[in-house]
Amino acid sequence: MTARDASFTHAPRINKKYLPLLAGIVWSIAGTAVLSIGLPALLGNPDPLWLSLPVTAVVFFLFFKLIFFRLFRKHTARIEAFPRQKICAFAFFDVKGYIIMACMITFGILLRSSNLLPQSVLGMLYTGIGGAMIGAAVNFIVSFVKKQIAAV
């Protein structure tokens, strides 16, 4: 979605300064949903947590650093570049961002329903990814708060 596309005629419009906050809320809801699947599987794992937590931490780090933090930076810069102050409320992602999210949701559902991986592995994977998504949410919200404080 380009800056020009961010002003759909009938779409709800908000001030672009609130888009990082809205993105943070959406990411926190999604991250919480993923964690609600991962944590019970992780904690119900018969293996000791000291074996599972390092793997979960690696998953968190990889997804946060290689995917979600990059998306945060990209979308924050894109939002700031919008020439208009009032833009589509859904413009916190571009089309590619929505496609990535749809693919991740679809892949996650297929992975869980296929039973290809044991619950213990799904627990580590989903907990790490959910934590990384919440990390992205925190980045969006902190960015919003910093800008509000700087504007005062």
N, C-alpha and C. Protein backbone atom coordinates (compact mmCIF):
# COMPACT_ATOMS: atom_id res chain seq x y z
N MET A 1 0.84 -1.17 0.00
CA MET A 1 0.00 0.00 0.00
C MET A 1 0.89 1.23 0.00
N THR A 2 0.70 2.11 -0.91
CA THR A 2 1.49 3.33 -0.98
C THR A 2 0.82 4.42 -0.15
N ALA A 3 1.53 5.53 0.02
CA ALA A 3 0.98 6.65 0.77
C ALA A 3 -0.33 7.12 0.12
N ARG A 4 -0.39 7.09 -1.18
CA ARG A 4 -1.59 7.52 -1.90
C ARG A 4 -2.74 6.55 -1.63
N ASP A 5 -2.44 5.26 -1.50
CA ASP A 5 -3.47 4.25 -1.28
C ASP A 5 -4.01 4.27 0.15
N ALA A 6 -3.32 4.96 1.05
CA ALA A 6 -3.68 4.92 2.46
C ALA A 6 -4.87 5.80 2.80
N SER A 7 -5.54 6.34 1.80
CA SER A 7 -6.69 7.20 2.08
C SER A 7 -7.92 6.70 1.32
N PHE A 8 -8.28 5.44 1.52
CA PHE A 8 -9.46 4.88 0.90
C PHE A 8 -10.65 5.77 1.19
N THR A 9 -11.53 5.91 0.24
CA THR A 9 -12.65 6.84 0.36
C THR A 9 -13.55 6.52 1.55
N HIS A 10 -13.91 5.26 1.74
CA HIS A 10 -14.87 4.90 2.78
C HIS A 10 -14.24 4.19 3.97
N ALA A 11 -12.96 4.11 4.01
CA ALA A 11 -12.28 3.43 5.12
C ALA A 11 -12.22 4.35 6.34
N PRO A 12 -12.25 3.77 7.54
CA PRO A 12 -12.10 4.61 8.73
C PRO A 12 -10.73 5.27 8.72
N ARG A 13 -10.71 6.57 9.01
CA ARG A 13 -9.46 7.32 8.96
C ARG A 13 -9.11 7.84 10.35
N ILE A 14 -7.81 7.78 10.66
CA ILE A 14 -7.33 8.31 11.93
C ILE A 14 -6.06 9.11 11.66
N ASN A 15 -5.66 9.87 12.65
CA ASN A 15 -4.41 10.60 12.55
C ASN A 15 -3.27 9.59 12.52
N LYS A 16 -2.33 9.81 11.62
CA LYS A 16 -1.26 8.83 11.44
C LYS A 16 -0.40 8.65 12.69
N LYS A 17 -0.40 9.62 13.59
CA LYS A 17 0.40 9.46 14.81
C LYS A 17 -0.11 8.32 15.68
N TYR A 18 -1.39 7.91 15.49
CA TYR A 18 -1.96 6.83 16.29
C TYR A 18 -1.76 5.45 15.67
N LEU A 19 -1.28 5.39 14.44
CA LEU A 19 -1.09 4.09 13.79
C LEU A 19 -0.10 3.18 14.53
N PRO A 20 1.03 3.70 15.04
CA PRO A 20 1.91 2.80 15.80
C PRO A 20 1.22 2.21 17.04
N LEU A 21 0.39 3.01 17.70
CA LEU A 21 -0.35 2.51 18.85
C LEU A 21 -1.33 1.42 18.41
N LEU A 22 -2.05 1.67 17.32
CA LEU A 22 -2.98 0.67 16.80
C LEU A 22 -2.25 -0.60 16.39
N ALA A 23 -1.10 -0.45 15.74
CA ALA A 23 -0.29 -1.61 15.37
C ALA A 23 0.14 -2.38 16.62
N GLY A 24 0.55 -1.66 17.66
CA GLY A 24 0.95 -2.31 18.90
C GLY A 24 -0.18 -3.09 19.53
N ILE A 25 -1.39 -2.54 19.48
CA ILE A 25 -2.55 -3.24 20.03
C ILE A 25 -2.83 -4.51 19.22
N VAL A 26 -2.81 -4.39 17.90
CA VAL A 26 -3.07 -5.56 17.03
C VAL A 26 -2.00 -6.63 17.26
N TRP A 27 -0.72 -6.24 17.30
CA TRP A 27 0.35 -7.21 17.52
C TRP A 27 0.23 -7.85 18.90
N SER A 28 -0.19 -7.09 19.91
CA SER A 28 -0.30 -7.68 21.25
C SER A 28 -1.46 -8.68 21.31
N ILE A 29 -2.55 -8.38 20.62
CA ILE A 29 -3.66 -9.34 20.57
C ILE A 29 -3.22 -10.62 19.87
N ALA A 30 -2.56 -10.46 18.72
CA ALA A 30 -2.09 -11.64 17.98
C ALA A 30 -1.06 -12.43 18.79
N GLY A 31 -0.12 -11.73 19.40
CA GLY A 31 0.91 -12.40 20.20
C GLY A 31 0.31 -13.14 21.39
N THR A 32 -0.68 -12.53 22.03
CA THR A 32 -1.35 -13.17 23.16
C THR A 32 -2.10 -14.43 22.71
N ALA A 33 -2.71 -14.35 21.53
CA ALA A 33 -3.41 -15.53 21.00
C ALA A 33 -2.43 -16.67 20.74
N VAL A 34 -1.28 -16.35 20.17
CA VAL A 34 -0.28 -17.39 19.89
C VAL A 34 0.29 -17.94 21.21
N LEU A 35 0.56 -17.04 22.16
CA LEU A 35 1.05 -17.50 23.48
C LEU A 35 0.04 -18.38 24.19
N SER A 36 -1.26 -18.09 24.02
CA SER A 36 -2.28 -18.90 24.69
C SER A 36 -2.31 -20.33 24.17
N ILE A 37 -1.75 -20.53 22.99
CA ILE A 37 -1.61 -21.89 22.46
C ILE A 37 -0.28 -22.49 22.91
N GLY A 38 0.78 -21.67 22.85
CA GLY A 38 2.12 -22.17 23.13
C GLY A 38 2.42 -22.45 24.58
N LEU A 39 2.03 -21.55 25.47
CA LEU A 39 2.38 -21.73 26.88
C LEU A 39 1.80 -22.99 27.50
N PRO A 40 0.53 -23.31 27.30
CA PRO A 40 0.03 -24.58 27.87
C PRO A 40 0.77 -25.80 27.32
N ALA A 41 1.10 -25.77 26.04
CA ALA A 41 1.84 -26.90 25.46
C ALA A 41 3.26 -26.95 26.02
N LEU A 42 3.87 -25.78 26.21
CA LEU A 42 5.23 -25.73 26.76
C LEU A 42 5.24 -26.21 28.21
N LEU A 43 4.30 -25.72 29.00
CA LEU A 43 4.26 -26.08 30.42
C LEU A 43 3.77 -27.50 30.64
N GLY A 44 3.01 -28.05 29.69
CA GLY A 44 2.54 -29.43 29.78
C GLY A 44 3.54 -30.43 29.24
N ASN A 45 4.65 -29.94 28.75
CA ASN A 45 5.71 -30.78 28.19
C ASN A 45 6.34 -31.61 29.31
N PRO A 46 6.49 -32.92 29.11
CA PRO A 46 7.10 -33.74 30.16
C PRO A 46 8.60 -33.48 30.34
N ASP A 47 9.24 -32.88 29.33
CA ASP A 47 10.66 -32.57 29.46
C ASP A 47 10.84 -31.42 30.45
N PRO A 48 11.99 -31.39 31.14
CA PRO A 48 12.22 -30.28 32.08
C PRO A 48 12.28 -28.93 31.34
N LEU A 49 11.82 -27.89 32.01
CA LEU A 49 11.82 -26.55 31.40
C LEU A 49 13.22 -26.08 31.03
N TRP A 50 14.23 -26.51 31.78
CA TRP A 50 15.58 -26.05 31.48
C TRP A 50 16.05 -26.56 30.11
N LEU A 51 15.38 -27.59 29.58
CA LEU A 51 15.69 -28.04 28.23
C LEU A 51 14.88 -27.28 27.18
N SER A 52 13.65 -26.96 27.52
CA SER A 52 12.74 -26.29 26.57
C SER A 52 12.98 -24.80 26.46
N LEU A 53 13.33 -24.15 27.55
CA LEU A 53 13.46 -22.69 27.54
C LEU A 53 14.56 -22.18 26.62
N PRO A 54 15.74 -22.83 26.55
CA PRO A 54 16.74 -22.32 25.59
C PRO A 54 16.26 -22.40 24.14
N VAL A 55 15.56 -23.47 23.78
CA VAL A 55 15.03 -23.58 22.42
C VAL A 55 13.99 -22.50 22.18
N THR A 56 13.12 -22.28 23.16
CA THR A 56 12.10 -21.23 23.06
C THR A 56 12.77 -19.87 22.91
N ALA A 57 13.84 -19.63 23.65
CA ALA A 57 14.57 -18.36 23.57
C ALA A 57 15.19 -18.17 22.18
N VAL A 58 15.71 -19.22 21.60
CA VAL A 58 16.28 -19.12 20.25
C VAL A 58 15.19 -18.81 19.24
N VAL A 59 14.04 -19.47 19.35
CA VAL A 59 12.91 -19.19 18.46
C VAL A 59 12.49 -17.74 18.61
N PHE A 60 12.36 -17.28 19.87
CA PHE A 60 12.02 -15.88 20.11
C PHE A 60 13.01 -14.94 19.42
N PHE A 61 14.28 -15.16 19.67
CA PHE A 61 15.32 -14.28 19.12
C PHE A 61 15.28 -14.26 17.59
N LEU A 62 15.19 -15.43 16.98
CA LEU A 62 15.19 -15.49 15.51
C LEU A 62 13.98 -14.78 14.92
N PHE A 63 12.80 -15.06 15.45
CA PHE A 63 11.60 -14.42 14.90
C PHE A 63 11.57 -12.93 15.20
N PHE A 64 12.00 -12.55 16.41
CA PHE A 64 11.97 -11.13 16.75
C PHE A 64 12.99 -10.36 15.91
N LYS A 65 14.21 -10.81 15.92
CA LYS A 65 15.29 -10.06 15.26
C LYS A 65 15.18 -10.12 13.73
N LEU A 66 14.89 -11.27 13.18
CA LEU A 66 14.91 -11.43 11.73
C LEU A 66 13.59 -11.07 11.04
N ILE A 67 12.49 -11.09 11.78
CA ILE A 67 11.19 -10.81 11.14
C ILE A 67 10.50 -9.61 11.77
N PHE A 68 10.11 -9.75 13.03
CA PHE A 68 9.20 -8.76 13.62
C PHE A 68 9.85 -7.40 13.88
N PHE A 69 11.11 -7.36 14.31
CA PHE A 69 11.76 -6.07 14.52
C PHE A 69 11.97 -5.36 13.19
N ARG A 70 12.30 -6.11 12.17
CA ARG A 70 12.44 -5.51 10.83
C ARG A 70 11.11 -4.95 10.34
N LEU A 71 10.02 -5.70 10.56
CA LEU A 71 8.70 -5.20 10.18
C LEU A 71 8.34 -3.94 10.97
N PHE A 72 8.67 -3.92 12.25
CA PHE A 72 8.43 -2.73 13.06
C PHE A 72 9.13 -1.52 12.46
N ARG A 73 10.41 -1.66 12.17
CA ARG A 73 11.17 -0.52 11.61
C ARG A 73 10.62 -0.10 10.26
N LYS A 74 10.33 -1.07 9.41
CA LYS A 74 9.82 -0.77 8.07
C LYS A 74 8.48 -0.05 8.14
N HIS A 75 7.57 -0.56 8.93
CA HIS A 75 6.24 0.03 8.99
C HIS A 75 6.25 1.38 9.72
N THR A 76 7.10 1.54 10.71
CA THR A 76 7.21 2.83 11.38
C THR A 76 7.70 3.90 10.40
N ALA A 77 8.72 3.58 9.63
CA ALA A 77 9.23 4.53 8.64
C ALA A 77 8.18 4.83 7.57
N ARG A 78 7.46 3.81 7.15
CA ARG A 78 6.42 4.00 6.13
C ARG A 78 5.30 4.89 6.64
N ILE A 79 4.89 4.68 7.89
CA ILE A 79 3.83 5.48 8.49
C ILE A 79 4.27 6.95 8.57
N GLU A 80 5.50 7.17 9.01
CA GLU A 80 6.01 8.54 9.13
C GLU A 80 6.09 9.23 7.77
N ALA A 81 6.25 8.46 6.70
CA ALA A 81 6.40 9.04 5.37
C ALA A 81 5.07 9.43 4.72
N PHE A 82 3.95 9.01 5.31
CA PHE A 82 2.66 9.39 4.72
C PHE A 82 2.55 10.91 4.70
N PRO A 83 2.19 11.48 3.55
CA PRO A 83 2.12 12.94 3.47
C PRO A 83 0.91 13.53 4.19
N ARG A 84 -0.17 12.78 4.28
CA ARG A 84 -1.39 13.27 4.94
C ARG A 84 -1.37 12.90 6.41
N GLN A 85 -2.07 13.69 7.21
CA GLN A 85 -2.18 13.39 8.64
C GLN A 85 -3.28 12.36 8.92
N LYS A 86 -4.38 12.44 8.20
CA LYS A 86 -5.49 11.49 8.38
C LYS A 86 -5.38 10.42 7.29
N ILE A 87 -5.22 9.17 7.73
CA ILE A 87 -5.08 8.07 6.77
C ILE A 87 -5.92 6.89 7.23
N CYS A 88 -6.00 5.92 6.35
CA CYS A 88 -6.77 4.71 6.63
C CYS A 88 -6.27 4.04 7.91
N ALA A 89 -7.18 3.66 8.78
CA ALA A 89 -6.81 3.04 10.05
C ALA A 89 -6.11 1.68 9.85
N PHE A 90 -6.29 1.08 8.69
CA PHE A 90 -5.66 -0.22 8.42
C PHE A 90 -4.28 -0.07 7.78
N ALA A 91 -3.79 1.15 7.65
CA ALA A 91 -2.53 1.40 6.95
C ALA A 91 -1.30 1.16 7.82
N PHE A 92 -1.47 0.60 9.02
CA PHE A 92 -0.28 0.32 9.82
C PHE A 92 0.53 -0.82 9.21
N PHE A 93 -0.09 -1.60 8.32
CA PHE A 93 0.61 -2.57 7.51
C PHE A 93 0.44 -2.18 6.06
N ASP A 94 1.39 -2.59 5.23
CA ASP A 94 1.19 -2.48 3.80
C ASP A 94 0.61 -3.81 3.31
N VAL A 95 0.36 -3.92 2.03
CA VAL A 95 -0.23 -5.14 1.49
C VAL A 95 0.65 -6.35 1.79
N LYS A 96 1.96 -6.19 1.63
CA LYS A 96 2.88 -7.29 1.90
C LYS A 96 2.79 -7.73 3.37
N GLY A 97 2.65 -6.78 4.29
CA GLY A 97 2.52 -7.10 5.71
C GLY A 97 1.27 -7.92 5.99
N TYR A 98 0.17 -7.54 5.35
CA TYR A 98 -1.07 -8.31 5.54
C TYR A 98 -0.93 -9.71 4.93
N ILE A 99 -0.25 -9.81 3.81
CA ILE A 99 -0.04 -11.13 3.19
C ILE A 99 0.82 -12.01 4.10
N ILE A 100 1.88 -11.42 4.67
CA ILE A 100 2.75 -12.18 5.58
C ILE A 100 1.94 -12.66 6.78
N MET A 101 1.12 -11.77 7.34
CA MET A 101 0.32 -12.17 8.51
C MET A 101 -0.66 -13.28 8.13
N ALA A 102 -1.32 -13.17 6.99
CA ALA A 102 -2.27 -14.20 6.55
C ALA A 102 -1.56 -15.53 6.35
N CYS A 103 -0.37 -15.49 5.76
CA CYS A 103 0.40 -16.72 5.55
C CYS A 103 0.82 -17.35 6.88
N MET A 104 1.25 -16.52 7.81
CA MET A 104 1.66 -17.05 9.12
C MET A 104 0.48 -17.68 9.85
N ILE A 105 -0.67 -17.04 9.79
CA ILE A 105 -1.86 -17.60 10.44
C ILE A 105 -2.24 -18.92 9.79
N THR A 106 -2.26 -18.94 8.46
CA THR A 106 -2.61 -20.15 7.72
C THR A 106 -1.62 -21.27 8.02
N PHE A 107 -0.32 -20.95 7.97
CA PHE A 107 0.70 -21.95 8.24
C PHE A 107 0.58 -22.48 9.67
N GLY A 108 0.31 -21.59 10.62
CA GLY A 108 0.16 -22.00 12.01
C GLY A 108 -1.00 -22.94 12.21
N ILE A 109 -2.12 -22.61 11.58
CA ILE A 109 -3.30 -23.49 11.69
C ILE A 109 -3.02 -24.85 11.05
N LEU A 110 -2.42 -24.84 9.87
CA LEU A 110 -2.10 -26.10 9.20
C LEU A 110 -1.09 -26.93 9.99
N LEU A 111 -0.12 -26.26 10.58
CA LEU A 111 0.90 -26.97 11.36
C LEU A 111 0.27 -27.64 12.58
N ARG A 112 -0.61 -26.92 13.28
CA ARG A 112 -1.26 -27.50 14.45
C ARG A 112 -2.20 -28.62 14.08
N SER A 113 -2.97 -28.44 13.01
CA SER A 113 -3.97 -29.46 12.65
C SER A 113 -3.35 -30.68 11.99
N SER A 114 -2.15 -30.55 11.45
CA SER A 114 -1.52 -31.68 10.76
C SER A 114 -0.91 -32.70 11.71
N ASN A 115 -0.66 -32.30 12.94
CA ASN A 115 -0.01 -33.17 13.92
C ASN A 115 1.36 -33.65 13.46
N LEU A 116 2.04 -32.86 12.63
CA LEU A 116 3.38 -33.21 12.17
C LEU A 116 4.41 -33.07 13.29
N LEU A 117 4.17 -32.13 14.20
CA LEU A 117 5.12 -31.90 15.28
C LEU A 117 4.48 -32.26 16.61
N PRO A 118 5.27 -32.80 17.52
CA PRO A 118 4.72 -33.11 18.85
C PRO A 118 4.35 -31.81 19.59
N GLN A 119 3.45 -31.92 20.55
CA GLN A 119 3.00 -30.77 21.33
C GLN A 119 4.16 -30.06 22.00
N SER A 120 5.18 -30.79 22.43
CA SER A 120 6.31 -30.16 23.10
C SER A 120 7.04 -29.20 22.16
N VAL A 121 7.20 -29.60 20.90
CA VAL A 121 7.87 -28.74 19.91
C VAL A 121 6.97 -27.56 19.57
N LEU A 122 5.68 -27.82 19.39
CA LEU A 122 4.74 -26.72 19.12
C LEU A 122 4.73 -25.72 20.27
N GLY A 123 4.83 -26.21 21.49
CA GLY A 123 4.87 -25.32 22.65
C GLY A 123 6.06 -24.39 22.61
N MET A 124 7.23 -24.92 22.30
CA MET A 124 8.43 -24.08 22.21
C MET A 124 8.31 -23.09 21.05
N LEU A 125 7.83 -23.58 19.91
CA LEU A 125 7.71 -22.75 18.72
C LEU A 125 6.69 -21.63 18.93
N TYR A 126 5.50 -21.97 19.38
CA TYR A 126 4.44 -20.96 19.55
C TYR A 126 4.76 -19.98 20.67
N THR A 127 5.39 -20.45 21.74
CA THR A 127 5.75 -19.54 22.83
C THR A 127 6.81 -18.55 22.36
N GLY A 128 7.79 -19.03 21.62
CA GLY A 128 8.83 -18.13 21.10
C GLY A 128 8.26 -17.12 20.11
N ILE A 129 7.41 -17.58 19.20
CA ILE A 129 6.82 -16.68 18.21
C ILE A 129 5.87 -15.69 18.88
N GLY A 130 5.03 -16.18 19.79
CA GLY A 130 4.11 -15.29 20.49
C GLY A 130 4.85 -14.23 21.29
N GLY A 131 5.92 -14.62 21.96
CA GLY A 131 6.74 -13.67 22.69
C GLY A 131 7.37 -12.63 21.76
N ALA A 132 7.82 -13.08 20.59
CA ALA A 132 8.42 -12.16 19.61
C ALA A 132 7.37 -11.17 19.09
N MET A 133 6.15 -11.65 18.90
CA MET A 133 5.08 -10.76 18.44
C MET A 133 4.76 -9.71 19.51
N ILE A 134 4.75 -10.13 20.76
CA ILE A 134 4.52 -9.16 21.84
C ILE A 134 5.71 -8.20 21.92
N GLY A 135 6.91 -8.69 21.64
CA GLY A 135 8.06 -7.79 21.58
C GLY A 135 7.89 -6.71 20.51
N ALA A 136 7.35 -7.10 19.36
CA ALA A 136 7.06 -6.11 18.31
C ALA A 136 5.99 -5.14 18.78
N ALA A 137 4.97 -5.64 19.47
CA ALA A 137 3.92 -4.78 20.00
C ALA A 137 4.50 -3.75 20.96
N VAL A 138 5.39 -4.20 21.82
CA VAL A 138 6.03 -3.28 22.77
C VAL A 138 6.82 -2.21 22.02
N ASN A 139 7.51 -2.60 20.96
CA ASN A 139 8.26 -1.62 20.18
C ASN A 139 7.34 -0.56 19.59
N PHE A 140 6.22 -0.98 19.00
CA PHE A 140 5.27 -0.02 18.43
C PHE A 140 4.72 0.92 19.51
N ILE A 141 4.35 0.37 20.65
CA ILE A 141 3.76 1.18 21.72
C ILE A 141 4.80 2.13 22.31
N VAL A 142 6.01 1.65 22.56
CA VAL A 142 7.07 2.51 23.09
C VAL A 142 7.40 3.63 22.09
N SER A 143 7.43 3.30 20.82
CA SER A 143 7.67 4.32 19.79
C SER A 143 6.58 5.39 19.84
N PHE A 144 5.33 4.97 19.96
CA PHE A 144 4.22 5.91 20.04
C PHE A 144 4.37 6.80 21.27
N VAL A 145 4.64 6.20 22.44
CA VAL A 145 4.76 6.97 23.69
C VAL A 145 5.92 7.95 23.61
N LYS A 146 7.05 7.52 23.08
CA LYS A 146 8.21 8.42 22.95
C LYS A 146 7.88 9.63 22.10
N LYS A 147 7.17 9.40 21.01
CA LYS A 147 6.80 10.51 20.12
C LYS A 147 5.83 11.46 20.81
N GLN A 148 4.93 10.90 21.63
CA GLN A 148 3.97 11.76 22.34
C GLN A 148 4.68 12.60 23.39
N ILE A 149 5.65 12.00 24.08
CA ILE A 149 6.42 12.73 25.09
C ILE A 149 7.27 13.81 24.42
N ALA A 150 7.87 13.47 23.29
CA ALA A 150 8.71 14.44 22.57
C ALA A 150 7.89 15.61 22.03
N ALA A 151 6.62 15.36 21.74
CA ALA A 151 5.76 16.42 21.18
C ALA A 151 5.30 17.40 22.25
N VAL A 152 5.45 17.03 23.52
CA VAL A 152 4.97 17.90 24.61
C VAL A 152 5.94 19.01 24.89
